[in-house]
Amino acid sequence: MTGSTPGRHGTQRLRADAARNRDQILAAARTAFRESGTAVPLDEIARRAGVNIATLYRRFPDRDALISQVAVDGFTLVLDTARAAAKTAQTDPLTAVENFLQGLVDNRDLLALPLIGGPRTNDPHALELQREIAVALEEVLTAGRARKALRPDVTAVDLITTVALICRPLPHLPAQQATTLATRHLGVVLDGLRPECTRTLPPAPTHQEVTAHLVAADGPTDVPE
């Protein structure tokens, strides 16, 4: 099995071990960037990936190259999700919006927040992907306005900002609690705060359950009610 990586003269094929190392480095970088920002030492990323620093530099010659690839991968996922939503928007624009948001919430670990507040890059490919995302989302919104299924003042930026906020990392919480909170937030965004809302949300963790995981490791273990 081989992987591929963008090269100066097109796509280069990688051996299976090289592709595996590259994937591990990118996965480690996404996690480290979410937790500590893009200034995290590259040695730490290599350690998390289970490779030596020389292997990291063979795949990514500098920090900017690694950041750019993480951002491009994230934008590619967003674009694919937006285009899939645009295909269904003509018949059911509300479901298209929900599918777009839910699809990214379900894959938020792959995003490393490339939308707002995440890795920034001037990579031309990343910038082009951003433009294409806006075009795809505008197709969804145009269909929604035509069917009077969406507010006329909702913009592509609104949808992108919503994704960025919902997918914001919560590294100090257990994965299940973070998923539950993201799902509840998505339900609130989709339904608004209307009293007639009938959407069933998953049970929310209590305030005490959430704050218990935000205490410093050497701090008190009991959280007052």
C-alpha atoms as a PDB file:
ATOM      1  CA  MET A   1       0.000   0.000   0.000  1.00  0.00           C
ATOM      2  CA  THR A   2       1.365   3.423  -0.894  1.00  0.00           C
ATOM      3  CA  GLY A   3       0.369   6.961  -0.089  1.00  0.00           C
ATOM      4  CA  SER A   4       0.932  10.254  -1.866  1.00  0.00           C
ATOM      5  CA  THR A   5       2.156  13.702  -1.053  1.00  0.00           C
ATOM      6  CA  PRO A   6       2.054  16.926  -3.097  1.00  0.00           C
ATOM      7  CA  GLY A   7       5.379  17.577  -4.803  1.00  0.00           C
ATOM      8  CA  ARG A   8       6.832  20.448  -6.811  1.00  0.00           C
ATOM      9  CA  HIS A   9       6.105  18.607 -10.052  1.00  0.00           C
ATOM     10  CA  GLY A  10       2.853  16.916  -9.066  1.00  0.00           C
ATOM     11  CA  THR A  11       1.895  14.104  -6.734  1.00  0.00           C
ATOM     12  CA  GLN A  12       4.688  11.833  -5.531  1.00  0.00           C
ATOM     13  CA  ARG A  13       3.996   8.248  -4.494  1.00  0.00           C
ATOM     14  CA  LEU A  14       5.276   7.148  -1.103  1.00  0.00           C
ATOM     15  CA  ARG A  15       6.279   3.703   0.093  1.00  0.00           C
ATOM     16  CA  ALA A  16       3.933   2.183   2.637  1.00  0.00           C
ATOM     17  CA  ASP A  17       6.273   2.898   5.559  1.00  0.00           C
ATOM     18  CA  ALA A  18       6.903   6.468   4.401  1.00  0.00           C
ATOM     19  CA  ALA A  19       3.161   7.086   3.960  1.00  0.00           C
ATOM     20  CA  ARG A  20       2.509   5.643   7.406  1.00  0.00           C
ATOM     21  CA  ASN A  21       5.151   7.898   8.976  1.00  0.00           C
ATOM     22  CA  ARG A  22       3.683  10.916   7.201  1.00  0.00           C
ATOM     23  CA  ASP A  23       0.168  10.110   8.427  1.00  0.00           C
ATOM     24  CA  GLN A  24       1.430   9.616  11.974  1.00  0.00           C
ATOM     25  CA  ILE A  25       3.267  12.938  11.901  1.00  0.00           C
ATOM     26  CA  LEU A  26       0.178  14.776  10.656  1.00  0.00           C
ATOM     27  CA  ALA A  27      -2.039  13.131  13.267  1.00  0.00           C
ATOM     28  CA  ALA A  28       0.412  14.042  16.014  1.00  0.00           C
ATOM     29  CA  ALA A  29       0.681  17.604  14.703  1.00  0.00           C
ATOM     30  CA  ARG A  30      -3.106  18.061  14.691  1.00  0.00           C
ATOM     31  CA  THR A  31      -3.337  16.889  18.287  1.00  0.00           C
ATOM     32  CA  ALA A  32      -0.396  19.007  19.439  1.00  0.00           C
ATOM     33  CA  PHE A  33      -1.666  22.106  17.616  1.00  0.00           C
ATOM     34  CA  ARG A  34      -5.085  21.744  19.232  1.00  0.00           C
ATOM     35  CA  GLU A  35      -3.562  21.403  22.664  1.00  0.00           C
ATOM     36  CA  SER A  36      -0.667  23.874  22.562  1.00  0.00           C
ATOM     37  CA  GLY A  37      -0.835  25.923  19.362  1.00  0.00           C
ATOM     38  CA  THR A  38       1.474  25.810  16.367  1.00  0.00           C
ATOM     39  CA  ALA A  39       4.568  26.828  18.365  1.00  0.00           C
ATOM     40  CA  VAL A  40       4.793  23.351  19.907  1.00  0.00           C
ATOM     41  CA  PRO A  41       8.348  21.982  19.465  1.00  0.00           C
ATOM     42  CA  LEU A  42       8.759  19.774  16.406  1.00  0.00           C
ATOM     43  CA  ASP A  43      10.691  17.305  18.581  1.00  0.00           C
ATOM     44  CA  GLU A  44       7.495  16.823  20.597  1.00  0.00           C
ATOM     45  CA  ILE A  45       5.473  16.174  17.449  1.00  0.00           C
ATOM     46  CA  ALA A  46       8.043  13.616  16.291  1.00  0.00           C
ATOM     47  CA  ARG A  47       7.948  11.934  19.704  1.00  0.00           C
ATOM     48  CA  ARG A  48       4.151  11.693  19.615  1.00  0.00           C
ATOM     49  CA  ALA A  49       4.292  10.320  16.081  1.00  0.00           C
ATOM     50  CA  GLY A  50       6.771   7.634  17.102  1.00  0.00           C
ATOM     51  CA  VAL A  51       9.407   8.773  14.599  1.00  0.00           C
ATOM     52  CA  ASN A  52      12.752  10.521  14.919  1.00  0.00           C
ATOM     53  CA  ILE A  53      13.125  14.183  14.084  1.00  0.00           C
ATOM     54  CA  ALA A  54      15.076  13.387  10.894  1.00  0.00           C
ATOM     55  CA  THR A  55      12.062  11.467   9.587  1.00  0.00           C
ATOM     56  CA  LEU A  56       9.817  14.437  10.300  1.00  0.00           C
ATOM     57  CA  TYR A  57      12.132  16.779   8.408  1.00  0.00           C
ATOM     58  CA  ARG A  58      12.257  14.399   5.425  1.00  0.00           C
ATOM     59  CA  ARG A  59       8.495  14.685   5.088  1.00  0.00           C
ATOM     60  CA  PHE A  60       8.180  18.356   6.137  1.00  0.00           C
ATOM     61  CA  PRO A  61      11.312  20.520   5.725  1.00  0.00           C
ATOM     62  CA  ASP A  62      10.163  23.167   8.208  1.00  0.00           C
ATOM     63  CA  ARG A  63       7.365  24.162  10.556  1.00  0.00           C
ATOM     64  CA  ASP A  64       5.531  26.174   7.901  1.00  0.00           C
ATOM     65  CA  ALA A  65       5.341  23.140   5.609  1.00  0.00           C
ATOM     66  CA  LEU A  66       3.807  21.052   8.389  1.00  0.00           C
ATOM     67  CA  ILE A  67       1.325  23.774   9.349  1.00  0.00           C
ATOM     68  CA  SER A  68       0.349  24.250   5.709  1.00  0.00           C
ATOM     69  CA  GLN A  69      -0.359  20.558   5.210  1.00  0.00           C
ATOM     70  CA  VAL A  70      -2.459  20.350   8.380  1.00  0.00           C
ATOM     71  CA  ALA A  71      -4.460  23.369   7.206  1.00  0.00           C
ATOM     72  CA  VAL A  72      -4.868  22.023   3.658  1.00  0.00           C
ATOM     73  CA  ASP A  73      -6.067  18.666   4.970  1.00  0.00           C
ATOM     74  CA  GLY A  74      -8.602  20.401   7.200  1.00  0.00           C
ATOM     75  CA  PHE A  75      -9.891  22.682   4.445  1.00  0.00           C
ATOM     76  CA  THR A  76     -10.159  19.706   2.086  1.00  0.00           C
ATOM     77  CA  LEU A  77     -12.409  17.929   4.574  1.00  0.00           C
ATOM     78  CA  VAL A  78     -14.558  21.058   4.958  1.00  0.00           C
ATOM     79  CA  LEU A  79     -14.841  21.462   1.183  1.00  0.00           C
ATOM     80  CA  ASP A  80     -15.818  17.830   0.630  1.00  0.00           C
ATOM     81  CA  THR A  81     -18.487  18.159   3.321  1.00  0.00           C
ATOM     82  CA  ALA A  82     -19.786  21.442   1.900  1.00  0.00           C
ATOM     83  CA  ARG A  83     -20.014  20.018  -1.627  1.00  0.00           C
ATOM     84  CA  ALA A  84     -21.900  16.978  -0.357  1.00  0.00           C
ATOM     85  CA  ALA A  85     -24.342  19.342   1.378  1.00  0.00           C
ATOM     86  CA  ALA A  86     -24.763  21.397  -1.795  1.00  0.00           C
ATOM     87  CA  LYS A  87     -25.889  18.276  -3.678  1.00  0.00           C
ATOM     88  CA  THR A  88     -28.868  17.815  -1.341  1.00  0.00           C
ATOM     89  CA  ALA A  89     -29.683  21.474  -0.795  1.00  0.00           C
ATOM     90  CA  GLN A  90     -32.026  21.759  -3.785  1.00  0.00           C
ATOM     91  CA  THR A  91     -34.461  19.276  -2.265  1.00  0.00           C
ATOM     92  CA  ASP A  92     -33.892  19.801   1.475  1.00  0.00           C
ATOM     93  CA  PRO A  93     -31.733  22.817   2.367  1.00  0.00           C
ATOM     94  CA  LEU A  94     -32.257  22.525   6.121  1.00  0.00           C
ATOM     95  CA  THR A  95     -31.044  18.948   6.120  1.00  0.00           C
ATOM     96  CA  ALA A  96     -28.130  20.030   3.924  1.00  0.00           C
ATOM     97  CA  VAL A  97     -27.067  22.608   6.517  1.00  0.00           C
ATOM     98  CA  GLU A  98     -27.438  20.072   9.310  1.00  0.00           C
ATOM     99  CA  ASN A  99     -25.430  17.487   7.378  1.00  0.00           C
ATOM    100  CA  PHE A 100     -22.671  20.027   6.801  1.00  0.00           C
ATOM    101  CA  LEU A 101     -22.433  20.997  10.459  1.00  0.00           C
ATOM    102  CA  GLN A 102     -22.860  17.472  11.831  1.00  0.00           C
ATOM    103  CA  GLY A 103     -20.359  16.043   9.359  1.00  0.00           C
ATOM    104  CA  LEU A 104     -17.668  18.401  10.611  1.00  0.00           C
ATOM    105  CA  VAL A 105     -18.580  17.906  14.267  1.00  0.00           C
ATOM    106  CA  ASP A 106     -18.210  14.155  13.743  1.00  0.00           C
ATOM    107  CA  ASN A 107     -14.756  14.674  12.206  1.00  0.00           C
ATOM    108  CA  ARG A 108     -13.578  17.612  14.294  1.00  0.00           C
ATOM    109  CA  ASP A 109     -10.409  15.804  15.397  1.00  0.00           C
ATOM    110  CA  LEU A 110      -9.229  16.003  11.774  1.00  0.00           C
ATOM    111  CA  LEU A 111      -9.773  19.739  11.502  1.00  0.00           C
ATOM    112  CA  ALA A 112      -7.293  21.192  14.001  1.00  0.00           C
ATOM    113  CA  LEU A 113      -9.558  24.228  13.630  1.00  0.00           C
ATOM    114  CA  PRO A 114      -8.365  25.428  10.223  1.00  0.00           C
ATOM    115  CA  LEU A 115     -11.397  27.678   9.938  1.00  0.00           C
ATOM    116  CA  ILE A 116     -11.054  30.394  12.556  1.00  0.00           C
ATOM    117  CA  GLY A 117      -8.317  30.636  15.160  1.00  0.00           C
ATOM    118  CA  GLY A 118      -6.443  27.592  13.932  1.00  0.00           C
ATOM    119  CA  PRO A 119      -3.239  27.105  11.941  1.00  0.00           C
ATOM    120  CA  ARG A 120      -2.770  30.070   9.620  1.00  0.00           C
ATOM    121  CA  THR A 121      -1.002  29.726   6.313  1.00  0.00           C
ATOM    122  CA  ASN A 122      -0.503  31.634   3.099  1.00  0.00           C
ATOM    123  CA  ASP A 123      -0.318  28.397   1.104  1.00  0.00           C
ATOM    124  CA  PRO A 124      -2.057  29.121  -2.236  1.00  0.00           C
ATOM    125  CA  HIS A 125      -3.789  25.727  -2.141  1.00  0.00           C
ATOM    126  CA  ALA A 126      -5.266  26.490   1.289  1.00  0.00           C
ATOM    127  CA  LEU A 127      -6.472  29.897   0.120  1.00  0.00           C
ATOM    128  CA  GLU A 128      -8.098  28.386  -2.966  1.00  0.00           C
ATOM    129  CA  LEU A 129      -9.823  25.748  -0.835  1.00  0.00           C
ATOM    130  CA  GLN A 130     -11.269  28.509   1.350  1.00  0.00           C
ATOM    131  CA  ARG A 131     -12.714  30.237  -1.714  1.00  0.00           C
ATOM    132  CA  GLU A 132     -14.242  26.989  -2.954  1.00  0.00           C
ATOM    133  CA  ILE A 133     -15.780  26.335   0.475  1.00  0.00           C
ATOM    134  CA  ALA A 134     -17.519  29.718   0.365  1.00  0.00           C
ATOM    135  CA  VAL A 135     -18.869  28.969  -3.123  1.00  0.00           C
ATOM    136  CA  ALA A 136     -20.252  25.573  -2.071  1.00  0.00           C
ATOM    137  CA  LEU A 137     -21.890  26.985   1.049  1.00  0.00           C
ATOM    138  CA  GLU A 138     -23.431  29.818  -0.933  1.00  0.00           C
ATOM    139  CA  GLU A 139     -25.103  27.187  -3.140  1.00  0.00           C
ATOM    140  CA  VAL A 140     -26.658  25.692  -0.008  1.00  0.00           C
ATOM    141  CA  LEU A 141     -27.823  29.083   1.241  1.00  0.00           C
ATOM    142  CA  THR A 142     -29.208  30.156  -2.136  1.00  0.00           C
ATOM    143  CA  ALA A 143     -31.356  27.021  -2.246  1.00  0.00           C
ATOM    144  CA  GLY A 144     -32.524  27.679   1.309  1.00  0.00           C
ATOM    145  CA  ARG A 145     -33.490  31.268   0.552  1.00  0.00           C
ATOM    146  CA  ALA A 146     -35.346  30.239  -2.609  1.00  0.00           C
ATOM    147  CA  ARG A 147     -37.445  27.769  -0.604  1.00  0.00           C
ATOM    148  CA  LYS A 148     -37.794  30.226   2.295  1.00  0.00           C
ATOM    149  CA  ALA A 149     -36.314  27.532   4.511  1.00  0.00           C
ATOM    150  CA  LEU A 150     -33.454  29.668   5.845  1.00  0.00           C
ATOM    151  CA  ARG A 151     -33.158  33.210   7.109  1.00  0.00           C
ATOM    152  CA  PRO A 152     -32.276  35.511   4.213  1.00  0.00           C
ATOM    153  CA  ASP A 153     -29.453  37.135   6.184  1.00  0.00           C
ATOM    154  CA  VAL A 154     -27.506  33.934   6.964  1.00  0.00           C
ATOM    155  CA  THR A 155     -24.122  33.896   5.216  1.00  0.00           C
ATOM    156  CA  ALA A 156     -21.398  31.364   4.484  1.00  0.00           C
ATOM    157  CA  VAL A 157     -19.299  33.086   7.137  1.00  0.00           C
ATOM    158  CA  ASP A 158     -22.060  32.383   9.669  1.00  0.00           C
ATOM    159  CA  LEU A 159     -21.887  28.678   8.900  1.00  0.00           C
ATOM    160  CA  ILE A 160     -18.097  28.604   9.004  1.00  0.00           C
ATOM    161  CA  THR A 161     -18.022  30.511  12.297  1.00  0.00           C
ATOM    162  CA  THR A 162     -20.598  28.126  13.756  1.00  0.00           C
ATOM    163  CA  VAL A 163     -18.438  25.142  12.816  1.00  0.00           C
ATOM    164  CA  ALA A 164     -15.366  26.763  14.344  1.00  0.00           C
ATOM    165  CA  LEU A 165     -17.165  27.442  17.619  1.00  0.00           C
ATOM    166  CA  ILE A 166     -18.821  24.039  17.875  1.00  0.00           C
ATOM    167  CA  CYS A 167     -15.601  22.217  17.015  1.00  0.00           C
ATOM    168  CA  ARG A 168     -13.486  24.183  19.465  1.00  0.00           C
ATOM    169  CA  PRO A 169     -11.200  21.745  21.291  1.00  0.00           C
ATOM    170  CA  LEU A 170     -12.079  20.810  24.880  1.00  0.00           C
ATOM    171  CA  PRO A 171      -8.884  18.893  25.697  1.00  0.00           C
ATOM    172  CA  HIS A 172      -9.472  18.724  29.455  1.00  0.00           C
ATOM    173  CA  LEU A 173     -12.784  16.897  29.158  1.00  0.00           C
ATOM    174  CA  PRO A 174     -13.325  13.187  28.496  1.00  0.00           C
ATOM    175  CA  ALA A 175     -14.060  12.533  24.835  1.00  0.00           C
ATOM    176  CA  GLN A 176     -17.669  11.481  25.500  1.00  0.00           C
ATOM    177  CA  GLN A 177     -18.474  14.679  27.422  1.00  0.00           C
ATOM    178  CA  ALA A 178     -16.893  16.810  24.706  1.00  0.00           C
ATOM    179  CA  THR A 179     -18.942  14.989  22.058  1.00  0.00           C
ATOM    180  CA  THR A 180     -22.147  15.416  24.057  1.00  0.00           C
ATOM    181  CA  LEU A 181     -21.569  19.139  24.503  1.00  0.00           C
ATOM    182  CA  ALA A 182     -20.790  19.583  20.792  1.00  0.00           C
ATOM    183  CA  THR A 183     -23.960  17.688  19.843  1.00  0.00           C
ATOM    184  CA  ARG A 184     -26.083  19.780  22.202  1.00  0.00           C
ATOM    185  CA  HIS A 185     -24.533  22.997  20.863  1.00  0.00           C
ATOM    186  CA  LEU A 186     -25.309  21.891  17.315  1.00  0.00           C
ATOM    187  CA  GLY A 187     -28.932  21.182  18.273  1.00  0.00           C
ATOM    188  CA  VAL A 188     -29.293  24.625  19.830  1.00  0.00           C
ATOM    189  CA  VAL A 189     -27.793  26.278  16.746  1.00  0.00           C
ATOM    190  CA  LEU A 190     -30.112  24.406  14.394  1.00  0.00           C
ATOM    191  CA  ASP A 191     -33.287  24.934  16.362  1.00  0.00           C
ATOM    192  CA  GLY A 192     -32.561  28.262  17.987  1.00  0.00           C
ATOM    193  CA  LEU A 193     -34.120  28.959  21.346  1.00  0.00           C
ATOM    194  CA  ARG A 194     -37.759  28.557  20.312  1.00  0.00           C
ATOM    195  CA  PRO A 195     -39.983  27.214  23.094  1.00  0.00           C
ATOM    196  CA  GLU A 196     -41.785  24.962  20.606  1.00  0.00           C
ATOM    197  CA  CYS A 197     -38.559  23.127  19.755  1.00  0.00           C
ATOM    198  CA  THR A 198     -39.072  19.354  19.869  1.00  0.00           C
ATOM    199  CA  ARG A 199     -35.504  18.197  19.176  1.00  0.00           C
ATOM    200  CA  THR A 200     -34.292  15.637  21.707  1.00  0.00           C
ATOM    201  CA  LEU A 201     -30.822  16.416  23.015  1.00  0.00           C
ATOM    202  CA  PRO A 202     -28.526  13.927  24.717  1.00  0.00           C
ATOM    203  CA  PRO A 203     -28.375  14.284  28.511  1.00  0.00           C
ATOM    204  CA  ALA A 204     -26.044  17.097  29.484  1.00  0.00           C
ATOM    205  CA  PRO A 205     -23.136  16.580  31.883  1.00  0.00           C
ATOM    206  CA  THR A 206     -23.664  18.526  35.092  1.00  0.00           C
ATOM    207  CA  HIS A 207     -21.669  21.637  35.892  1.00  0.00           C
ATOM    208  CA  GLN A 208     -19.853  19.700  38.586  1.00  0.00           C
ATOM    209  CA  GLU A 209     -18.919  16.894  36.168  1.00  0.00           C
ATOM    210  CA  VAL A 210     -17.463  19.373  33.692  1.00  0.00           C
ATOM    211  CA  THR A 211     -15.569  21.547  36.153  1.00  0.00           C
ATOM    212  CA  ALA A 212     -14.078  18.493  37.862  1.00  0.00           C
ATOM    213  CA  HIS A 213     -11.925  17.951  34.773  1.00  0.00           C
ATOM    214  CA  LEU A 214     -10.746  21.565  34.632  1.00  0.00           C
ATOM    215  CA  VAL A 215      -8.907  21.433  37.969  1.00  0.00           C
ATOM    216  CA  ALA A 216      -5.112  21.533  37.694  1.00  0.00           C
ATOM    217  CA  ALA A 217      -3.392  18.211  38.270  1.00  0.00           C
ATOM    218  CA  ASP A 218      -1.872  19.441  41.528  1.00  0.00           C
ATOM    219  CA  GLY A 219      -4.980  21.331  42.613  1.00  0.00           C
ATOM    220  CA  PRO A 220      -7.878  20.255  44.856  1.00  0.00           C
ATOM    221  CA  THR A 221      -9.793  17.187  43.777  1.00  0.00           C
ATOM    222  CA  ASP A 222     -13.136  18.196  45.292  1.00  0.00           C
ATOM    223  CA  VAL A 223     -15.295  20.676  43.418  1.00  0.00           C
ATOM    224  CA  PRO A 224     -17.827  22.554  45.575  1.00  0.00           C
ATOM    225  CA  GLU A 225     -21.430  22.293  44.534  1.00  0.00           C
END
